[in-house]
PDB file of all heavy atoms in Angstrom:
ATOM      1  N   LYS A   1      24.968  30.724  -3.137  1.00  0.00           N
ATOM      2  CA  LYS A   1      24.111  31.693  -3.749  1.00  0.00           C
ATOM      3  C   LYS A   1      23.813  32.736  -2.708  1.00  0.00           C
ATOM      4  O   LYS A   1      23.838  33.945  -2.928  1.00  0.00           O
ATOM      5  CB  LYS A   1      22.876  31.085  -4.304  1.00  0.00           C
ATOM      6  CG  LYS A   1      21.912  32.081  -4.989  1.00  0.00           C
ATOM      7  CD  LYS A   1      20.796  31.328  -5.617  1.00  0.00           C
ATOM      8  CE  LYS A   1      19.748  32.268  -6.279  1.00  0.00           C
ATOM      9  NZ  LYS A   1      18.538  31.576  -6.728  1.00  0.00           N
ATOM     10  N   GLN A   2      23.324  32.318  -1.417  1.00  0.00           N
ATOM     11  CA  GLN A   2      23.006  33.237  -0.417  1.00  0.00           C
ATOM     12  C   GLN A   2      24.201  34.083  -0.038  1.00  0.00           C
ATOM     13  O   GLN A   2      24.135  35.272   0.302  1.00  0.00           O
ATOM     14  CB  GLN A   2      22.414  32.400   0.698  1.00  0.00           C
ATOM     15  CG  GLN A   2      21.074  31.816   0.497  1.00  0.00           C
ATOM     16  CD  GLN A   2      20.579  31.020   1.721  1.00  0.00           C
ATOM     17  OE1 GLN A   2      21.243  30.833   2.660  1.00  0.00           O
ATOM     18  NE2 GLN A   2      19.507  30.294   1.504  1.00  0.00           N
ATOM     19  N   ALA A   3      25.335  33.475   0.040  1.00  0.00           N
ATOM     20  CA  ALA A   3      26.538  34.175   0.467  1.00  0.00           C
ATOM     21  C   ALA A   3      26.949  35.287  -0.552  1.00  0.00           C
ATOM     22  O   ALA A   3      27.213  36.438  -0.149  1.00  0.00           O
ATOM     23  CB  ALA A   3      27.713  33.218   0.628  1.00  0.00           C
ATOM     24  N   LYS A   4      26.654  35.023  -1.758  1.00  0.00           N
ATOM     25  CA  LYS A   4      27.032  35.984  -2.904  1.00  0.00           C
ATOM     26  C   LYS A   4      25.998  37.143  -2.758  1.00  0.00           C
ATOM     27  O   LYS A   4      26.317  38.281  -2.896  1.00  0.00           O
ATOM     28  CB  LYS A   4      26.932  35.322  -4.279  1.00  0.00           C
ATOM     29  CG  LYS A   4      28.187  34.589  -4.510  1.00  0.00           C
ATOM     30  CD  LYS A   4      28.194  33.971  -5.936  1.00  0.00           C
ATOM     31  CE  LYS A   4      29.442  33.162  -6.194  1.00  0.00           C
ATOM     32  NZ  LYS A   4      29.367  32.654  -7.577  1.00  0.00           N
ATOM     33  N   GLU A   5      24.711  36.761  -2.537  1.00  0.00           N
ATOM     34  CA  GLU A   5      23.658  37.881  -2.427  1.00  0.00           C
ATOM     35  C   GLU A   5      23.955  38.723  -1.145  1.00  0.00           C
ATOM     36  O   GLU A   5      23.764  40.007  -1.250  1.00  0.00           O
ATOM     37  CB  GLU A   5      22.285  37.173  -2.233  1.00  0.00           C
ATOM     38  CG  GLU A   5      21.785  36.601  -3.609  1.00  0.00           C
ATOM     39  CD  GLU A   5      20.564  35.807  -3.405  1.00  0.00           C
ATOM     40  OE1 GLU A   5      20.003  35.691  -2.254  1.00  0.00           O
ATOM     41  OE2 GLU A   5      19.973  35.324  -4.405  1.00  0.00           O
ATOM     42  N   GLU A   6      24.407  38.110  -0.126  1.00  0.00           N
ATOM     43  CA  GLU A   6      24.701  38.923   1.080  1.00  0.00           C
ATOM     44  C   GLU A   6      25.893  39.907   0.776  1.00  0.00           C
ATOM     45  O   GLU A   6      25.929  41.081   1.297  1.00  0.00           O
ATOM     46  CB  GLU A   6      25.001  37.969   2.225  1.00  0.00           C
ATOM     47  CG  GLU A   6      23.772  37.187   2.842  1.00  0.00           C
ATOM     48  CD  GLU A   6      24.111  36.279   3.921  1.00  0.00           C
ATOM     49  OE1 GLU A   6      25.325  36.184   4.213  1.00  0.00           O
ATOM     50  OE2 GLU A   6      23.207  35.630   4.380  1.00  0.00           O
ATOM     51  N   GLU A   7      26.920  39.349   0.122  1.00  0.00           N
ATOM     52  CA  GLU A   7      28.078  40.213  -0.161  1.00  0.00           C
ATOM     53  C   GLU A   7      27.630  41.359  -1.076  1.00  0.00           C
ATOM     54  O   GLU A   7      28.144  42.508  -0.883  1.00  0.00           O
ATOM     55  CB  GLU A   7      29.131  39.310  -0.820  1.00  0.00           C
ATOM     56  CG  GLU A   7      29.870  38.389   0.095  1.00  0.00           C
ATOM     57  CD  GLU A   7      30.854  37.502  -0.647  1.00  0.00           C
ATOM     58  OE1 GLU A   7      31.092  37.822  -1.867  1.00  0.00           O
ATOM     59  OE2 GLU A   7      31.468  36.612  -0.049  1.00  0.00           O
ATOM     60  N   LYS A   8      26.799  41.060  -2.002  1.00  0.00           N
ATOM     61  CA  LYS A   8      26.435  42.102  -2.927  1.00  0.00           C
ATOM     62  C   LYS A   8      25.612  43.194  -2.267  1.00  0.00           C
ATOM     63  O   LYS A   8      25.761  44.372  -2.439  1.00  0.00           O
ATOM     64  CB  LYS A   8      25.548  41.417  -4.043  1.00  0.00           C
ATOM     65  CG  LYS A   8      25.075  42.459  -5.125  1.00  0.00           C
ATOM     66  CD  LYS A   8      24.266  41.801  -6.162  1.00  0.00           C
ATOM     67  CE  LYS A   8      23.886  42.788  -7.273  1.00  0.00           C
ATOM     68  NZ  LYS A   8      22.975  42.023  -8.278  1.00  0.00           N
ATOM     69  N   ALA A   9      24.635  42.751  -1.348  1.00  0.00           N
ATOM     70  CA  ALA A   9      23.872  43.722  -0.515  1.00  0.00           C
ATOM     71  C   ALA A   9      24.765  44.570   0.360  1.00  0.00           C
ATOM     72  O   ALA A   9      24.590  45.784   0.512  1.00  0.00           O
ATOM     73  CB  ALA A   9      22.838  42.976   0.332  1.00  0.00           C
ATOM     74  N   ALA A  10      25.753  43.845   0.984  1.00  0.00           N
ATOM     75  CA  ALA A  10      26.760  44.641   1.855  1.00  0.00           C
ATOM     76  C   ALA A  10      27.560  45.685   1.070  1.00  0.00           C
ATOM     77  O   ALA A  10      27.805  46.788   1.546  1.00  0.00           O
ATOM     78  CB  ALA A  10      27.635  43.668   2.559  1.00  0.00           C
ATOM     79  N   ALA A  11      27.925  45.325  -0.123  1.00  0.00           N
ATOM     80  CA  ALA A  11      28.723  46.243  -1.008  1.00  0.00           C
ATOM     81  C   ALA A  11      27.844  47.418  -1.386  1.00  0.00           C
ATOM     82  O   ALA A  11      28.439  48.596  -1.414  1.00  0.00           O
ATOM     83  CB  ALA A  11      29.317  45.438  -2.279  1.00  0.00           C
ATOM     84  N   GLU A  12      26.560  47.098  -1.778  1.00  0.00           N
ATOM     85  CA  GLU A  12      25.694  48.229  -2.202  1.00  0.00           C
ATOM     86  C   GLU A  12      25.458  49.233  -0.950  1.00  0.00           C
ATOM     87  O   GLU A  12      25.417  50.403  -1.212  1.00  0.00           O
ATOM     88  CB  GLU A  12      24.339  47.659  -2.635  1.00  0.00           C
ATOM     89  CG  GLU A  12      24.512  46.952  -4.021  1.00  0.00           C
ATOM     90  CD  GLU A  12      23.217  46.283  -4.464  1.00  0.00           C
ATOM     91  OE1 GLU A  12      22.250  46.360  -3.659  1.00  0.00           O
ATOM     92  OE2 GLU A  12      23.191  45.832  -5.643  1.00  0.00           O
ATOM     93  N   THR A  13      25.301  48.619   0.220  1.00  0.00           N
ATOM     94  CA  THR A  13      25.055  49.538   1.411  1.00  0.00           C
ATOM     95  C   THR A  13      26.284  50.242   1.648  1.00  0.00           C
ATOM     96  O   THR A  13      26.198  51.630   2.043  1.00  0.00           O
ATOM     97  CB  THR A  13      24.752  48.493   2.585  1.00  0.00           C
ATOM     98  OG1 THR A  13      23.642  47.783   2.284  1.00  0.00           O
ATOM     99  CG2 THR A  13      24.481  49.474   3.893  1.00  0.00           C
ATOM    100  N   ALA A  14      27.565  49.740   1.561  1.00  0.00           N
ATOM    101  CA  ALA A  14      28.746  50.508   1.819  1.00  0.00           C
ATOM    102  C   ALA A  14      28.910  51.619   0.803  1.00  0.00           C
ATOM    103  O   ALA A  14      29.302  52.739   1.092  1.00  0.00           O
ATOM    104  CB  ALA A  14      29.921  49.456   1.807  1.00  0.00           C
ATOM    105  N   ALA A  15      28.638  51.291  -0.514  1.00  0.00           N
ATOM    106  CA  ALA A  15      28.665  52.297  -1.539  1.00  0.00           C
ATOM    107  C   ALA A  15      27.693  53.444  -1.399  1.00  0.00           C
ATOM    108  O   ALA A  15      28.045  54.601  -1.607  1.00  0.00           O
ATOM    109  CB  ALA A  15      28.471  51.680  -2.908  1.00  0.00           C
ATOM    110  N   ALA A  16      26.598  53.174  -0.878  1.00  0.00           N
ATOM    111  CA  ALA A  16      25.622  54.176  -0.600  1.00  0.00           C
ATOM    112  C   ALA A  16      25.864  55.045   0.673  1.00  0.00           C
ATOM    113  O   ALA A  16      25.694  56.271   0.547  1.00  0.00           O
ATOM    114  CB  ALA A  16      24.146  53.597  -0.330  1.00  0.00           C
ATOM    115  N   ALA A  17      26.660  54.459   1.600  1.00  0.00           N
ATOM    116  CA  ALA A  17      27.088  55.256   2.756  1.00  0.00           C
ATOM    117  C   ALA A  17      28.236  56.211   2.362  1.00  0.00           C
ATOM    118  O   ALA A  17      28.358  57.286   2.931  1.00  0.00           O
ATOM    119  CB  ALA A  17      27.496  54.329   3.873  1.00  0.00           C
ATOM    120  N   GLU A  18      29.077  55.814   1.543  1.00  0.00           N
ATOM    121  CA  GLU A  18      30.228  56.651   1.067  1.00  0.00           C
ATOM    122  C   GLU A  18      29.919  57.717   0.170  1.00  0.00           C
ATOM    123  O   GLU A  18      30.511  58.785   0.092  1.00  0.00           O
ATOM    124  CB  GLU A  18      31.270  55.787   0.413  1.00  0.00           C
ATOM    125  CG  GLU A  18      31.955  54.707   1.352  1.00  0.00           C
ATOM    126  CD  GLU A  18      32.850  53.784   0.663  1.00  0.00           C
ATOM    127  OE1 GLU A  18      33.089  53.999  -0.572  1.00  0.00           O
ATOM    128  OE2 GLU A  18      33.477  52.944   1.355  1.00  0.00           O
ATOM    129  N   THR A  19      28.761  57.634  -0.491  1.00  0.00           N
ATOM    130  CA  THR A  19      28.360  58.665  -1.527  1.00  0.00           C
ATOM    131  C   THR A  19      27.632  59.889  -0.778  1.00  0.00           C
ATOM    132  O   THR A  19      26.712  59.690   0.000  1.00  0.00           O
ATOM    133  CB  THR A  19      27.303  58.086  -2.525  1.00  0.00           C
ATOM    134  OG1 THR A  19      27.876  56.918  -3.083  1.00  0.00           O
ATOM    135  CG2 THR A  19      26.962  59.148  -3.556  1.00  0.00           C
ATOM    136  N   PRO A  20      28.282  61.115  -0.924  1.00  0.00           N
ATOM    137  CA  PRO A  20      27.577  62.334  -0.185  1.00  0.00           C
ATOM    138  C   PRO A  20      26.237  62.607  -0.805  1.00  0.00           C
ATOM    139  O   PRO A  20      26.128  62.454  -2.015  1.00  0.00           O
ATOM    140  CB  PRO A  20      28.614  63.382  -0.468  1.00  0.00           C
ATOM    141  CG  PRO A  20      29.436  62.954  -1.734  1.00  0.00           C
ATOM    142  CD  PRO A  20      29.454  61.475  -1.630  1.00  0.00           C
ATOM    143  N   MET A  21      25.393  63.163  -0.092  1.00  0.00           N
ATOM    144  CA  MET A  21      24.097  63.524  -0.500  1.00  0.00           C
ATOM    145  C   MET A  21      24.149  64.894  -1.035  1.00  0.00           C
ATOM    146  O   MET A  21      24.389  65.878  -0.392  1.00  0.00           O
ATOM    147  CB  MET A  21      23.069  63.468   0.607  1.00  0.00           C
ATOM    148  CG  MET A  21      22.883  62.042   1.146  1.00  0.00           C
ATOM    149  SD  MET A  21      21.640  62.003   2.470  1.00  0.00           S
ATOM    150  CE  MET A  21      20.193  62.446   1.513  1.00  0.00           C
ATOM    151  N   GLU A  22      24.130  65.083  -2.326  1.00  0.00           N
ATOM    152  CA  GLU A  22      24.335  66.342  -3.049  1.00  0.00           C
ATOM    153  C   GLU A  22      23.151  67.287  -2.765  1.00  0.00           C
ATOM    154  O   GLU A  22      23.365  68.511  -2.740  1.00  0.00           O
ATOM    155  CB  GLU A  22      24.382  66.147  -4.583  1.00  0.00           C
ATOM    156  CG  GLU A  22      25.652  65.258  -4.870  1.00  0.00           C
ATOM    157  CD  GLU A  22      25.756  65.100  -6.419  1.00  0.00           C
ATOM    158  OE1 GLU A  22      24.828  65.600  -7.078  1.00  0.00           O
ATOM    159  OE2 GLU A  22      26.682  64.387  -6.849  1.00  0.00           O
ATOM    160  N   ALA A  23      22.025  66.768  -2.424  1.00  0.00           N
ATOM    161  CA  ALA A  23      20.754  67.654  -2.325  1.00  0.00           C
ATOM    162  C   ALA A  23      20.936  68.506  -1.043  1.00  0.00           C
ATOM    163  O   ALA A  23      20.414  69.672  -1.046  1.00  0.00           O
ATOM    164  CB  ALA A  23      19.495  66.951  -2.285  1.00  0.00           C
ATOM    165  N   ASP A  24      21.559  68.018  -0.075  1.00  0.00           N
ATOM    166  CA  ASP A  24      21.681  68.703   1.217  1.00  0.00           C
ATOM    167  C   ASP A  24      22.919  69.580   1.365  1.00  0.00           C
ATOM    168  O   ASP A  24      23.059  70.326   2.360  1.00  0.00           O
ATOM    169  CB  ASP A  24      21.651  67.727   2.369  1.00  0.00           C
ATOM    170  CG  ASP A  24      20.414  66.953   2.381  1.00  0.00           C
ATOM    171  OD1 ASP A  24      19.338  67.463   1.882  1.00  0.00           O
ATOM    172  OD2 ASP A  24      20.330  65.881   3.022  1.00  0.00           O
ATOM    173  N   ALA A  25      23.750  69.560   0.343  1.00  0.00           N
ATOM    174  CA  ALA A  25      25.017  70.334   0.413  1.00  0.00           C
ATOM    175  C   ALA A  25      24.751  71.819   0.274  1.00  0.00           C
ATOM    176  O   ALA A  25      23.995  72.180  -0.629  1.00  0.00           O
ATOM    177  CB  ALA A  25      26.000  69.882  -0.559  1.00  0.00           C
ATOM    178  N   PRO A  26      25.218  72.722   1.137  1.00  0.00           N
ATOM    179  CA  PRO A  26      25.000  74.137   1.051  1.00  0.00           C
ATOM    180  C   PRO A  26      25.701  74.712  -0.216  1.00  0.00           C
ATOM    181  O   PRO A  26      26.772  74.275  -0.537  1.00  0.00           O
ATOM    182  CB  PRO A  26      25.605  74.715   2.326  1.00  0.00           C
ATOM    183  CG  PRO A  26      26.644  73.661   2.754  1.00  0.00           C
ATOM    184  CD  PRO A  26      26.074  72.381   2.334  1.00  0.00           C
TER     185      PRO A  26
END
C-alpha cells in the first residue's frame, strides 16, 4: 500500500512538472 502511494505521488509530481504554467506565458 505504501509503495503504491509513493508511486502515485511521484507520478503526480512528474505530471505537474511537465505541464507548462499558462498564466506566466507572454
